Amino acid sequence: YILRGLVRDATPGPWYSNVNDLVGGWYVNTGNKPASQSGSRVGDAEVADFCSEANARLIALAPDLALLVADLSDEVEKVSLALGWHSESVDRIRDLLVRVREIETRAGGTQE
């Protein structure tokens, strides 16, 4: 899946949203601490900077959400194939899988 490849190729996590107490705003990094206590000198990597709090929180969740969607997509596909019959629920599941594939296509990256 493209989503798994994107997570694999991105900065290793986990990612955290934190206040940037040096220049203001919010940022996302691999250390769960403010900018003044973070950075490459202590082994943290910056992922995003100069964000609103909401954007920083969403960015920090992105790798976990991407892997969750990929895992759920796998399981849903197995279940819908195993049921082998059509119902409104199975049709809805298939529609959701199509949306997942569209998001992966929009995201780009390499398949795993």
PDB file of N, CA and C in Angstrom:
ATOM      1  N   TYR A   1       0.817  -1.197   0.000  1.00  0.00           N
ATOM      2  CA  TYR A   1       0.000   0.000   0.000  1.00  0.00           C
ATOM      3  C   TYR A   1       0.854   1.252   0.000  1.00  0.00           C
ATOM      4  N   ILE A   2       0.385   2.256  -0.659  1.00  0.00           N
ATOM      5  CA  ILE A   2       1.088   3.530  -0.719  1.00  0.00           C
ATOM      6  C   ILE A   2       1.185   4.155   0.670  1.00  0.00           C
ATOM      7  N   LEU A   3       0.119   4.061   1.459  1.00  0.00           N
ATOM      8  CA  LEU A   3       0.142   4.667   2.789  1.00  0.00           C
ATOM      9  C   LEU A   3       1.260   4.091   3.648  1.00  0.00           C
ATOM     10  N   ARG A   4       1.450   2.784   3.613  1.00  0.00           N
ATOM     11  CA  ARG A   4       2.531   2.176   4.394  1.00  0.00           C
ATOM     12  C   ARG A   4       3.897   2.642   3.888  1.00  0.00           C
ATOM     13  N   GLY A   5       4.026   2.780   2.575  1.00  0.00           N
ATOM     14  CA  GLY A   5       5.278   3.259   2.004  1.00  0.00           C
ATOM     15  C   GLY A   5       5.586   4.693   2.419  1.00  0.00           C
ATOM     16  N   LEU A   6       4.561   5.532   2.465  1.00  0.00           N
ATOM     17  CA  LEU A   6       4.769   6.916   2.890  1.00  0.00           C
ATOM     18  C   LEU A   6       5.245   6.975   4.342  1.00  0.00           C
ATOM     19  N   VAL A   7       4.635   6.174   5.192  1.00  0.00           N
ATOM     20  CA  VAL A   7       5.046   6.152   6.595  1.00  0.00           C
ATOM     21  C   VAL A   7       6.476   5.620   6.711  1.00  0.00           C
ATOM     22  N   ARG A   8       6.781   4.580   5.960  1.00  0.00           N
ATOM     23  CA  ARG A   8       8.128   4.000   5.987  1.00  0.00           C
ATOM     24  C   ARG A   8       9.179   5.021   5.562  1.00  0.00           C
ATOM     25  N   ASP A   9       8.867   5.847   4.552  1.00  0.00           N
ATOM     26  CA  ASP A   9       9.828   6.798   4.008  1.00  0.00           C
ATOM     27  C   ASP A   9       9.887   8.115   4.781  1.00  0.00           C
ATOM     28  N   ALA A  10       8.956   8.357   5.664  1.00  0.00           N
ATOM     29  CA  ALA A  10       8.908   9.607   6.422  1.00  0.00           C
ATOM     30  C   ALA A  10       9.844   9.535   7.640  1.00  0.00           C
ATOM     31  N   THR A  11       9.988  10.662   8.312  1.00  0.00           N
ATOM     32  CA  THR A  11      10.752  10.699   9.552  1.00  0.00           C
ATOM     33  C   THR A  11      10.154   9.694  10.527  1.00  0.00           C
ATOM     34  N   PRO A  12      10.981   8.792  11.079  1.00  0.00           N
ATOM     35  CA  PRO A  12      10.451   7.810  12.025  1.00  0.00           C
ATOM     36  C   PRO A  12       9.773   8.491  13.215  1.00  0.00           C
ATOM     37  N   GLY A  13       8.697   7.911  13.674  1.00  0.00           N
ATOM     38  CA  GLY A  13       7.932   8.473  14.782  1.00  0.00           C
ATOM     39  C   GLY A  13       8.228   7.779  16.083  1.00  0.00           C
ATOM     40  N   PRO A  14       7.412   8.019  17.062  1.00  0.00           N
ATOM     41  CA  PRO A  14       6.160   8.773  17.005  1.00  0.00           C
ATOM     42  C   PRO A  14       6.395  10.273  16.871  1.00  0.00           C
ATOM     43  N   TRP A  15       5.356  10.956  16.372  1.00  0.00           N
ATOM     44  CA  TRP A  15       5.394  12.402  16.208  1.00  0.00           C
ATOM     45  C   TRP A  15       4.529  13.048  17.284  1.00  0.00           C
ATOM     46  N   TYR A  16       4.949  14.225  17.736  1.00  0.00           N
ATOM     47  CA  TYR A  16       4.223  14.956  18.774  1.00  0.00           C
ATOM     48  C   TYR A  16       4.021  16.401  18.341  1.00  0.00           C
ATOM     49  N   SER A  17       2.892  16.978  18.707  1.00  0.00           N
ATOM     50  CA  SER A  17       2.669  18.410  18.493  1.00  0.00           C
ATOM     51  C   SER A  17       3.046  19.138  19.777  1.00  0.00           C
ATOM     52  N   ASN A  18       3.768  20.233  19.631  1.00  0.00           N
ATOM     53  CA  ASN A  18       4.244  20.988  20.784  1.00  0.00           C
ATOM     54  C   ASN A  18       4.238  22.476  20.484  1.00  0.00           C
ATOM     55  N   VAL A  19       4.189  23.267  21.534  1.00  0.00           N
ATOM     56  CA  VAL A  19       4.331  24.709  21.400  1.00  0.00           C
ATOM     57  C   VAL A  19       5.783  24.998  21.039  1.00  0.00           C
ATOM     58  N   ASN A  20       5.972  25.896  20.066  1.00  0.00           N
ATOM     59  CA  ASN A  20       7.326  26.346  19.743  1.00  0.00           C
ATOM     60  C   ASN A  20       7.607  27.558  20.613  1.00  0.00           C
ATOM     61  N   ASP A  21       8.253  27.333  21.733  1.00  0.00           N
ATOM     62  CA  ASP A  21       8.490  28.405  22.702  1.00  0.00           C
ATOM     63  C   ASP A  21       9.680  29.289  22.321  1.00  0.00           C
ATOM     64  N   LEU A  22      10.293  29.018  21.181  1.00  0.00           N
ATOM     65  CA  LEU A  22      11.401  29.855  20.709  1.00  0.00           C
ATOM     66  C   LEU A  22      10.930  30.940  19.747  1.00  0.00           C
ATOM     67  N   VAL A  23      10.042  30.593  18.820  1.00  0.00           N
ATOM     68  CA  VAL A  23       9.600  31.558  17.801  1.00  0.00           C
ATOM     69  C   VAL A  23       8.092  31.723  17.757  1.00  0.00           C
ATOM     70  N   GLY A  24       7.373  31.004  18.592  1.00  0.00           N
ATOM     71  CA  GLY A  24       5.922  31.092  18.613  1.00  0.00           C
ATOM     72  C   GLY A  24       5.258  30.060  17.722  1.00  0.00           C
ATOM     73  N   GLY A  25       3.988  29.914  17.889  1.00  0.00           N
ATOM     74  CA  GLY A  25       3.230  28.933  17.115  1.00  0.00           C
ATOM     75  C   GLY A  25       3.433  27.514  17.626  1.00  0.00           C
ATOM     76  N   TRP A  26       3.150  26.593  16.760  1.00  0.00           N
ATOM     77  CA  TRP A  26       3.249  25.174  17.087  1.00  0.00           C
ATOM     78  C   TRP A  26       4.163  24.488  16.083  1.00  0.00           C
ATOM     79  N   TYR A  27       4.681  23.333  16.474  1.00  0.00           N
ATOM     80  CA  TYR A  27       5.490  22.542  15.571  1.00  0.00           C
ATOM     81  C   TYR A  27       5.295  21.073  15.893  1.00  0.00           C
ATOM     82  N   VAL A  28       5.800  20.217  15.017  1.00  0.00           N
ATOM     83  CA  VAL A  28       5.695  18.768  15.194  1.00  0.00           C
ATOM     84  C   VAL A  28       7.106  18.213  15.160  1.00  0.00           C
ATOM     85  N   ASN A  29       7.416  17.368  16.150  1.00  0.00           N
ATOM     86  CA  ASN A  29       8.741  16.750  16.188  1.00  0.00           C
ATOM     87  C   ASN A  29       8.653  15.352  16.789  1.00  0.00           C
ATOM     88  N   THR A  30       9.786  14.698  16.862  1.00  0.00           N
ATOM     89  CA  THR A  30       9.816  13.333  17.396  1.00  0.00           C
ATOM     90  C   THR A  30      10.068  13.296  18.898  1.00  0.00           C
ATOM     91  N   GLY A  31      10.261  14.456  19.497  1.00  0.00           N
ATOM     92  CA  GLY A  31      10.420  14.531  20.945  1.00  0.00           C
ATOM     93  C   GLY A  31       9.223  15.221  21.551  1.00  0.00           C
ATOM     94  N   ASN A  32       8.714  14.704  22.623  1.00  0.00           N
ATOM     95  CA  ASN A  32       7.507  15.273  23.216  1.00  0.00           C
ATOM     96  C   ASN A  32       7.886  16.376  24.205  1.00  0.00           C
ATOM     97  N   LYS A  33       8.458  17.467  23.661  1.00  0.00           N
ATOM     98  CA  LYS A  33       8.868  18.582  24.498  1.00  0.00           C
ATOM     99  C   LYS A  33       8.915  19.866  23.679  1.00  0.00           C
ATOM    100  N   PRO A  34       8.909  21.020  24.340  1.00  0.00           N
ATOM    101  CA  PRO A  34       8.952  22.297  23.629  1.00  0.00           C
ATOM    102  C   PRO A  34      10.248  22.456  22.836  1.00  0.00           C
ATOM    103  N   ALA A  35      10.245  23.380  21.876  1.00  0.00           N
ATOM    104  CA  ALA A  35      11.394  23.592  20.991  1.00  0.00           C
ATOM    105  C   ALA A  35      12.675  23.893  21.760  1.00  0.00           C
ATOM    106  N   SER A  36      12.582  24.634  22.852  1.00  0.00           N
ATOM    107  CA  SER A  36      13.786  25.012  23.599  1.00  0.00           C
ATOM    108  C   SER A  36      14.491  23.805  24.213  1.00  0.00           C
ATOM    109  N   GLN A  37      13.784  22.696  24.353  1.00  0.00           N
ATOM    110  CA  GLN A  37      14.367  21.499  24.950  1.00  0.00           C
ATOM    111  C   GLN A  37      14.541  20.379  23.930  1.00  0.00           C
ATOM    112  N   SER A  38      14.343  20.689  22.675  1.00  0.00           N
ATOM    113  CA  SER A  38      14.309  19.676  21.626  1.00  0.00           C
ATOM    114  C   SER A  38      15.372  19.969  20.585  1.00  0.00           C
ATOM    115  N   GLY A  39      15.376  19.181  19.520  1.00  0.00           N
ATOM    116  CA  GLY A  39      16.276  19.406  18.396  1.00  0.00           C
ATOM    117  C   GLY A  39      17.249  18.273  18.192  1.00  0.00           C
ATOM    118  N   SER A  40      18.027  18.388  17.136  1.00  0.00           N
ATOM    119  CA  SER A  40      18.946  17.311  16.770  1.00  0.00           C
ATOM    120  C   SER A  40      20.007  17.078  17.840  1.00  0.00           C
ATOM    121  N   ARG A  41      20.317  18.094  18.633  1.00  0.00           N
ATOM    122  CA  ARG A  41      21.330  17.936  19.676  1.00  0.00           C
ATOM    123  C   ARG A  41      20.913  16.916  20.732  1.00  0.00           C
ATOM    124  N   VAL A  42      19.621  16.682  20.866  1.00  0.00           N
ATOM    125  CA  VAL A  42      19.133  15.675  21.822  1.00  0.00           C
ATOM    126  C   VAL A  42      18.458  14.507  21.110  1.00  0.00           C
ATOM    127  N   GLY A  43      18.681  14.405  19.802  1.00  0.00           N
ATOM    128  CA  GLY A  43      18.173  13.258  19.045  1.00  0.00           C
ATOM    129  C   GLY A  43      16.762  13.380  18.513  1.00  0.00           C
ATOM    130  N   ASP A  44      16.195  14.580  18.540  1.00  0.00           N
ATOM    131  CA  ASP A  44      14.840  14.784  18.019  1.00  0.00           C
ATOM    132  C   ASP A  44      14.900  15.322  16.591  1.00  0.00           C
ATOM    133  N   ALA A  45      13.932  14.945  15.792  1.00  0.00           N
ATOM    134  CA  ALA A  45      13.823  15.460  14.433  1.00  0.00           C
ATOM    135  C   ALA A  45      12.577  16.314  14.315  1.00  0.00           C
ATOM    136  N   GLU A  46      12.709  17.451  13.646  1.00  0.00           N
ATOM    137  CA  GLU A  46      11.556  18.320  13.404  1.00  0.00           C
ATOM    138  C   GLU A  46      10.822  17.821  12.168  1.00  0.00           C
ATOM    139  N   VAL A  47       9.505  17.764  12.248  1.00  0.00           N
ATOM    140  CA  VAL A  47       8.677  17.282  11.148  1.00  0.00           C
ATOM    141  C   VAL A  47       7.965  18.438  10.458  1.00  0.00           C
ATOM    142  N   ALA A  48       7.434  19.381  11.210  1.00  0.00           N
ATOM    143  CA  ALA A  48       6.722  20.529  10.654  1.00  0.00           C
ATOM    144  C   ALA A  48       6.868  21.697  11.621  1.00  0.00           C
ATOM    145  N   ASP A  49       6.836  22.906  11.089  1.00  0.00           N
ATOM    146  CA  ASP A  49       7.005  24.084  11.929  1.00  0.00           C
ATOM    147  C   ASP A  49       6.045  25.180  11.488  1.00  0.00           C
ATOM    148  N   PHE A  50       5.874  26.175  12.336  1.00  0.00           N
ATOM    149  CA  PHE A  50       5.033  27.334  12.063  1.00  0.00           C
ATOM    150  C   PHE A  50       3.603  26.923  11.706  1.00  0.00           C
ATOM    151  N   CYS A  51       3.014  26.110  12.556  1.00  0.00           N
ATOM    152  CA  CYS A  51       1.658  25.588  12.349  1.00  0.00           C
ATOM    153  C   CYS A  51       0.717  26.176  13.390  1.00  0.00           C
ATOM    154  N   SER A  52      -0.565  26.100  13.061  1.00  0.00           N
ATOM    155  CA  SER A  52      -1.561  26.343  14.094  1.00  0.00           C
ATOM    156  C   SER A  52      -1.600  25.100  14.980  1.00  0.00           C
ATOM    157  N   GLU A  53      -2.179  25.225  16.141  1.00  0.00           N
ATOM    158  CA  GLU A  53      -2.267  24.073  17.036  1.00  0.00           C
ATOM    159  C   GLU A  53      -3.019  22.924  16.377  1.00  0.00           C
ATOM    160  N   ALA A  54      -4.152  23.226  15.730  1.00  0.00           N
ATOM    161  CA  ALA A  54      -4.958  22.173  15.096  1.00  0.00           C
ATOM    162  C   ALA A  54      -4.176  21.455  14.004  1.00  0.00           C
ATOM    163  N   ASN A  55      -3.453  22.218  13.161  1.00  0.00           N
ATOM    164  CA  ASN A  55      -2.665  21.588  12.099  1.00  0.00           C
ATOM    165  C   ASN A  55      -1.540  20.748  12.675  1.00  0.00           C
ATOM    166  N   ALA A  56      -0.873  21.245  13.698  1.00  0.00           N
ATOM    167  CA  ALA A  56       0.212  20.485  14.319  1.00  0.00           C
ATOM    168  C   ALA A  56      -0.313  19.179  14.907  1.00  0.00           C
ATOM    169  N   ARG A  57      -1.455  19.236  15.561  1.00  0.00           N
ATOM    170  CA  ARG A  57      -2.022  18.020  16.153  1.00  0.00           C
ATOM    171  C   ARG A  57      -2.407  17.017  15.073  1.00  0.00           C
ATOM    172  N   LEU A  58      -2.976  17.498  13.965  1.00  0.00           N
ATOM    173  CA  LEU A  58      -3.362  16.613  12.876  1.00  0.00           C
ATOM    174  C   LEU A  58      -2.135  16.006  12.191  1.00  0.00           C
ATOM    175  N   ILE A  59      -1.118  16.819  11.942  1.00  0.00           N
ATOM    176  CA  ILE A  59       0.112  16.319  11.329  1.00  0.00           C
ATOM    177  C   ILE A  59       0.742  15.238  12.210  1.00  0.00           C
ATOM    178  N   ALA A  60       0.760  15.469  13.515  1.00  0.00           N
ATOM    179  CA  ALA A  60       1.356  14.497  14.433  1.00  0.00           C
ATOM    180  C   ALA A  60       0.637  13.149  14.387  1.00  0.00           C
ATOM    181  N   LEU A  61      -0.649  13.157  14.102  1.00  0.00           N
ATOM    182  CA  LEU A  61      -1.428  11.917  14.026  1.00  0.00           C
ATOM    183  C   LEU A  61      -1.304  11.202  12.680  1.00  0.00           C
ATOM    184  N   ALA A  62      -0.831  11.902  11.661  1.00  0.00           N
ATOM    185  CA  ALA A  62      -0.854  11.379  10.291  1.00  0.00           C
ATOM    186  C   ALA A  62      -0.245   9.982  10.130  1.00  0.00           C
ATOM    187  N   PRO A  63       0.961   9.704  10.631  1.00  0.00           N
ATOM    188  CA  PRO A  63       1.518   8.356  10.419  1.00  0.00           C
ATOM    189  C   PRO A  63       0.667   7.252  11.048  1.00  0.00           C
ATOM    190  N   ASP A  64       0.188   7.506  12.260  1.00  0.00           N
ATOM    191  CA  ASP A  64      -0.640   6.499  12.932  1.00  0.00           C
ATOM    192  C   ASP A  64      -1.958   6.293  12.201  1.00  0.00           C
ATOM    193  N   LEU A  65      -2.569   7.385  11.744  1.00  0.00           N
ATOM    194  CA  LEU A  65      -3.826   7.272  11.007  1.00  0.00           C
ATOM    195  C   LEU A  65      -3.632   6.566   9.674  1.00  0.00           C
ATOM    196  N   ALA A  66      -2.530   6.854   8.988  1.00  0.00           N
ATOM    197  CA  ALA A  66      -2.252   6.203   7.704  1.00  0.00           C
ATOM    198  C   ALA A  66      -2.116   4.695   7.882  1.00  0.00           C
ATOM    199  N   LEU A  67      -1.377   4.270   8.910  1.00  0.00           N
ATOM    200  CA  LEU A  67      -1.220   2.829   9.149  1.00  0.00           C
ATOM    201  C   LEU A  67      -2.534   2.186   9.570  1.00  0.00           C
ATOM    202  N   LEU A  68      -3.313   2.896  10.362  1.00  0.00           N
ATOM    203  CA  LEU A  68      -4.616   2.380  10.784  1.00  0.00           C
ATOM    204  C   LEU A  68      -5.538   2.202   9.587  1.00  0.00           C
ATOM    205  N   VAL A  69      -5.581   3.183   8.697  1.00  0.00           N
ATOM    206  CA  VAL A  69      -6.417   3.078   7.499  1.00  0.00           C
ATOM    207  C   VAL A  69      -5.960   1.905   6.627  1.00  0.00           C
ATOM    208  N   ALA A  70      -4.659   1.743   6.456  1.00  0.00           N
ATOM    209  CA  ALA A  70      -4.141   0.629   5.655  1.00  0.00           C
ATOM    210  C   ALA A  70      -4.531  -0.715   6.270  1.00  0.00           C
ATOM    211  N   ASP A  71      -4.374  -0.842   7.597  1.00  0.00           N
ATOM    212  CA  ASP A  71      -4.732  -2.092   8.273  1.00  0.00           C
ATOM    213  C   ASP A  71      -6.237  -2.357   8.196  1.00  0.00           C
ATOM    214  N   LEU A  72      -7.041  -1.335   8.452  1.00  0.00           N
ATOM    215  CA  LEU A  72      -8.495  -1.495   8.366  1.00  0.00           C
ATOM    216  C   LEU A  72      -8.923  -1.853   6.945  1.00  0.00           C
ATOM    217  N   SER A  73      -8.297  -1.231   5.974  1.00  0.00           N
ATOM    218  CA  SER A  73      -8.605  -1.513   4.580  1.00  0.00           C
ATOM    219  C   SER A  73      -8.346  -2.975   4.249  1.00  0.00           C
ATOM    220  N   ASP A  74      -7.222  -3.493   4.715  1.00  0.00           N
ATOM    221  CA  ASP A  74      -6.907  -4.915   4.497  1.00  0.00           C
ATOM    222  C   ASP A  74      -7.984  -5.820   5.086  1.00  0.00           C
ATOM    223  N   GLU A  75      -8.355  -5.544   6.323  1.00  0.00           N
ATOM    224  CA  GLU A  75      -9.329  -6.397   7.012  1.00  0.00           C
ATOM    225  C   GLU A  75     -10.715  -6.293   6.391  1.00  0.00           C
ATOM    226  N   VAL A  76     -11.112  -5.092   6.035  1.00  0.00           N
ATOM    227  CA  VAL A  76     -12.427  -4.895   5.422  1.00  0.00           C
ATOM    228  C   VAL A  76     -12.493  -5.615   4.083  1.00  0.00           C
ATOM    229  N   GLU A  77     -11.408  -5.544   3.324  1.00  0.00           N
ATOM    230  CA  GLU A  77     -11.383  -6.230   2.034  1.00  0.00           C
ATOM    231  C   GLU A  77     -11.533  -7.741   2.225  1.00  0.00           C
ATOM    232  N   LYS A  78     -10.853  -8.297   3.224  1.00  0.00           N
ATOM    233  CA  LYS A  78     -10.969  -9.733   3.511  1.00  0.00           C
ATOM    234  C   LYS A  78     -12.403 -10.104   3.884  1.00  0.00           C
ATOM    235  N   VAL A  79     -13.009  -9.298   4.740  1.00  0.00           N
ATOM    236  CA  VAL A  79     -14.373  -9.580   5.191  1.00  0.00           C
ATOM    237  C   VAL A  79     -15.357  -9.488   4.032  1.00  0.00           C
ATOM    238  N   SER A  80     -15.230  -8.448   3.218  1.00  0.00           N
ATOM    239  CA  SER A  80     -16.190  -8.295   2.119  1.00  0.00           C
ATOM    240  C   SER A  80     -16.033  -9.423   1.107  1.00  0.00           C
ATOM    241  N   LEU A  81     -14.823  -9.910   0.889  1.00  0.00           N
ATOM    242  CA  LEU A  81     -14.620 -11.048  -0.022  1.00  0.00           C
ATOM    243  C   LEU A  81     -15.164 -12.336   0.593  1.00  0.00           C
ATOM    244  N   ALA A  82     -14.961 -12.500   1.890  1.00  0.00           N
ATOM    245  CA  ALA A  82     -15.412 -13.722   2.556  1.00  0.00           C
ATOM    246  C   ALA A  82     -16.935 -13.824   2.592  1.00  0.00           C
ATOM    247  N   LEU A  83     -17.618 -12.693   2.739  1.00  0.00           N
ATOM    248  CA  LEU A  83     -19.082 -12.717   2.806  1.00  0.00           C
ATOM    249  C   LEU A  83     -19.682 -13.157   1.476  1.00  0.00           C
ATOM    250  N   GLY A  84     -19.097 -12.683   0.392  1.00  0.00           N
ATOM    251  CA  GLY A  84     -19.512 -13.127  -0.926  1.00  0.00           C
ATOM    252  C   GLY A  84     -20.937 -12.786  -1.321  1.00  0.00           C
ATOM    253  N   TRP A  85     -21.619 -11.990  -0.585  1.00  0.00           N
ATOM    254  CA  TRP A  85     -22.965 -11.592  -0.948  1.00  0.00           C
ATOM    255  C   TRP A  85     -23.063 -10.082  -0.864  1.00  0.00           C
ATOM    256  N   HIS A  86     -24.051  -9.548  -1.532  1.00  0.00           N
ATOM    257  CA  HIS A  86     -24.210  -8.105  -1.578  1.00  0.00           C
ATOM    258  C   HIS A  86     -25.247  -7.650  -0.561  1.00  0.00           C
ATOM    259  N   SER A  87     -24.882  -6.633   0.102  1.00  0.00           N
ATOM    260  CA  SER A  87     -25.810  -5.968   1.005  1.00  0.00           C
ATOM    261  C   SER A  87     -25.439  -4.489   0.996  1.00  0.00           C
ATOM    262  N   GLU A  88     -26.272  -3.699   1.595  1.00  0.00           N
ATOM    263  CA  GLU A  88     -25.974  -2.274   1.660  1.00  0.00           C
ATOM    264  C   GLU A  88     -24.662  -2.033   2.404  1.00  0.00           C
ATOM    265  N   SER A  89     -24.414  -2.797   3.475  1.00  0.00           N
ATOM    266  CA  SER A  89     -23.187  -2.637   4.254  1.00  0.00           C
ATOM    267  C   SER A  89     -21.954  -3.002   3.447  1.00  0.00           C
ATOM    268  N   VAL A  90     -22.010  -4.122   2.737  1.00  0.00           N
ATOM    269  CA  VAL A  90     -20.866  -4.550   1.937  1.00  0.00           C
ATOM    270  C   VAL A  90     -20.624  -3.557   0.812  1.00  0.00           C
ATOM    271  N   ASP A  91     -21.690  -3.067   0.191  1.00  0.00           N
ATOM    272  CA  ASP A  91     -21.528  -2.058  -0.861  1.00  0.00           C
ATOM    273  C   ASP A  91     -20.898  -0.790  -0.296  1.00  0.00           C
ATOM    274  N   ARG A  92     -21.306  -0.390   0.893  1.00  0.00           N
ATOM    275  CA  ARG A  92     -20.732   0.794   1.547  1.00  0.00           C
ATOM    276  C   ARG A  92     -19.247   0.559   1.836  1.00  0.00           C
ATOM    277  N   ILE A  93     -18.905  -0.624   2.300  1.00  0.00           N
ATOM    278  CA  ILE A  93     -17.506  -0.963   2.580  1.00  0.00           C
ATOM    279  C   ILE A  93     -16.678  -0.860   1.297  1.00  0.00           C
ATOM    280  N   ARG A  94     -17.224  -1.376   0.205  1.00  0.00           N
ATOM    281  CA  ARG A  94     -16.492  -1.289  -1.060  1.00  0.00           C
ATOM    282  C   ARG A  94     -16.307   0.157  -1.492  1.00  0.00           C
ATOM    283  N   ASP A  95     -17.321   0.993  -1.278  1.00  0.00           N
ATOM    284  CA  ASP A  95     -17.195   2.421  -1.595  1.00  0.00           C
ATOM    285  C   ASP A  95     -16.090   3.068  -0.755  1.00  0.00           C
ATOM    286  N   LEU A  96     -16.018   2.691   0.512  1.00  0.00           N
ATOM    287  CA  LEU A  96     -14.976   3.233   1.383  1.00  0.00           C
ATOM    288  C   LEU A  96     -13.595   2.784   0.932  1.00  0.00           C
ATOM    289  N   LEU A  97     -13.471   1.548   0.495  1.00  0.00           N
ATOM    290  CA  LEU A  97     -12.186   1.066  -0.012  1.00  0.00           C
ATOM    291  C   LEU A  97     -11.756   1.843  -1.252  1.00  0.00           C
ATOM    292  N   VAL A  98     -12.711   2.170  -2.106  1.00  0.00           N
ATOM    293  CA  VAL A  98     -12.397   2.984  -3.282  1.00  0.00           C
ATOM    294  C   VAL A  98     -11.869   4.346  -2.836  1.00  0.00           C
ATOM    295  N   ARG A  99     -12.484   4.926  -1.819  1.00  0.00           N
ATOM    296  CA  ARG A  99     -12.014   6.221  -1.312  1.00  0.00           C
ATOM    297  C   ARG A  99     -10.606   6.125  -0.744  1.00  0.00           C
ATOM    298  N   VAL A 100     -10.306   5.024  -0.047  1.00  0.00           N
ATOM    299  CA  VAL A 100      -8.951   4.827   0.474  1.00  0.00           C
ATOM    300  C   VAL A 100      -7.949   4.795  -0.676  1.00  0.00           C
ATOM    301  N   ARG A 101      -8.278   4.068  -1.735  1.00  0.00           N
ATOM    302  CA  ARG A 101      -7.378   3.980  -2.897  1.00  0.00           C
ATOM    303  C   ARG A 101      -7.206   5.351  -3.556  1.00  0.00           C
ATOM    304  N   GLU A 102      -8.274   6.148  -3.596  1.00  0.00           N
ATOM    305  CA  GLU A 102      -8.180   7.494  -4.170  1.00  0.00           C
ATOM    306  C   GLU A 102      -7.258   8.381  -3.332  1.00  0.00           C
ATOM    307  N   ILE A 103      -7.356   8.267  -2.022  1.00  0.00           N
ATOM    308  CA  ILE A 103      -6.483   9.039  -1.138  1.00  0.00           C
ATOM    309  C   ILE A 103      -5.031   8.609  -1.327  1.00  0.00           C
ATOM    310  N   GLU A 104      -4.814   7.305  -1.447  1.00  0.00           N
ATOM    311  CA  GLU A 104      -3.452   6.826  -1.671  1.00  0.00           C
ATOM    312  C   GLU A 104      -2.893   7.362  -2.988  1.00  0.00           C
ATOM    313  N   THR A 105      -3.710   7.374  -4.017  1.00  0.00           N
ATOM    314  CA  THR A 105      -3.273   7.887  -5.313  1.00  0.00           C
ATOM    315  C   THR A 105      -2.925   9.367  -5.211  1.00  0.00           C
ATOM    316  N   ARG A 106      -3.745  10.125  -4.510  1.00  0.00           N
ATOM    317  CA  ARG A 106      -3.495  11.554  -4.325  1.00  0.00           C
ATOM    318  C   ARG A 106      -2.228  11.796  -3.518  1.00  0.00           C
ATOM    319  N   ALA A 107      -1.951  10.894  -2.558  1.00  0.00           N
ATOM    320  CA  ALA A 107      -0.781  11.042  -1.692  1.00  0.00           C
ATOM    321  C   ALA A 107       0.514  10.750  -2.415  1.00  0.00           C
ATOM    322  N   GLY A 108       0.445   9.910  -3.461  1.00  0.00           N
ATOM    323  CA  GLY A 108       1.664   9.535  -4.181  1.00  0.00           C
ATOM    324  C   GLY A 108       2.494   8.586  -3.343  1.00  0.00           C
ATOM    325  N   GLY A 109       3.769   8.511  -3.616  1.00  0.00           N
ATOM    326  CA  GLY A 109       4.643   7.615  -2.873  1.00  0.00           C
ATOM    327  C   GLY A 109       4.775   6.280  -3.560  1.00  0.00           C
ATOM    328  N   THR A 110       5.417   5.363  -2.870  1.00  0.00           N
ATOM    329  CA  THR A 110       5.672   4.034  -3.430  1.00  0.00           C
ATOM    330  C   THR A 110       4.829   2.999  -2.724  1.00  0.00           C
ATOM    331  N   GLN A 111       4.420   1.996  -3.476  1.00  0.00           N
ATOM    332  CA  GLN A 111       3.641   0.920  -2.871  1.00  0.00           C
ATOM    333  C   GLN A 111       4.544  -0.025  -2.129  1.00  0.00           C
ATOM    334  N   GLU A 112       4.004  -0.630  -1.089  1.00  0.00           N
ATOM    335  CA  GLU A 112       4.744  -1.618  -0.304  1.00  0.00           C
ATOM    336  C   GLU A 112       4.113  -2.970  -0.477  1.00  0.00           C
TER     337      GLU A 112
END
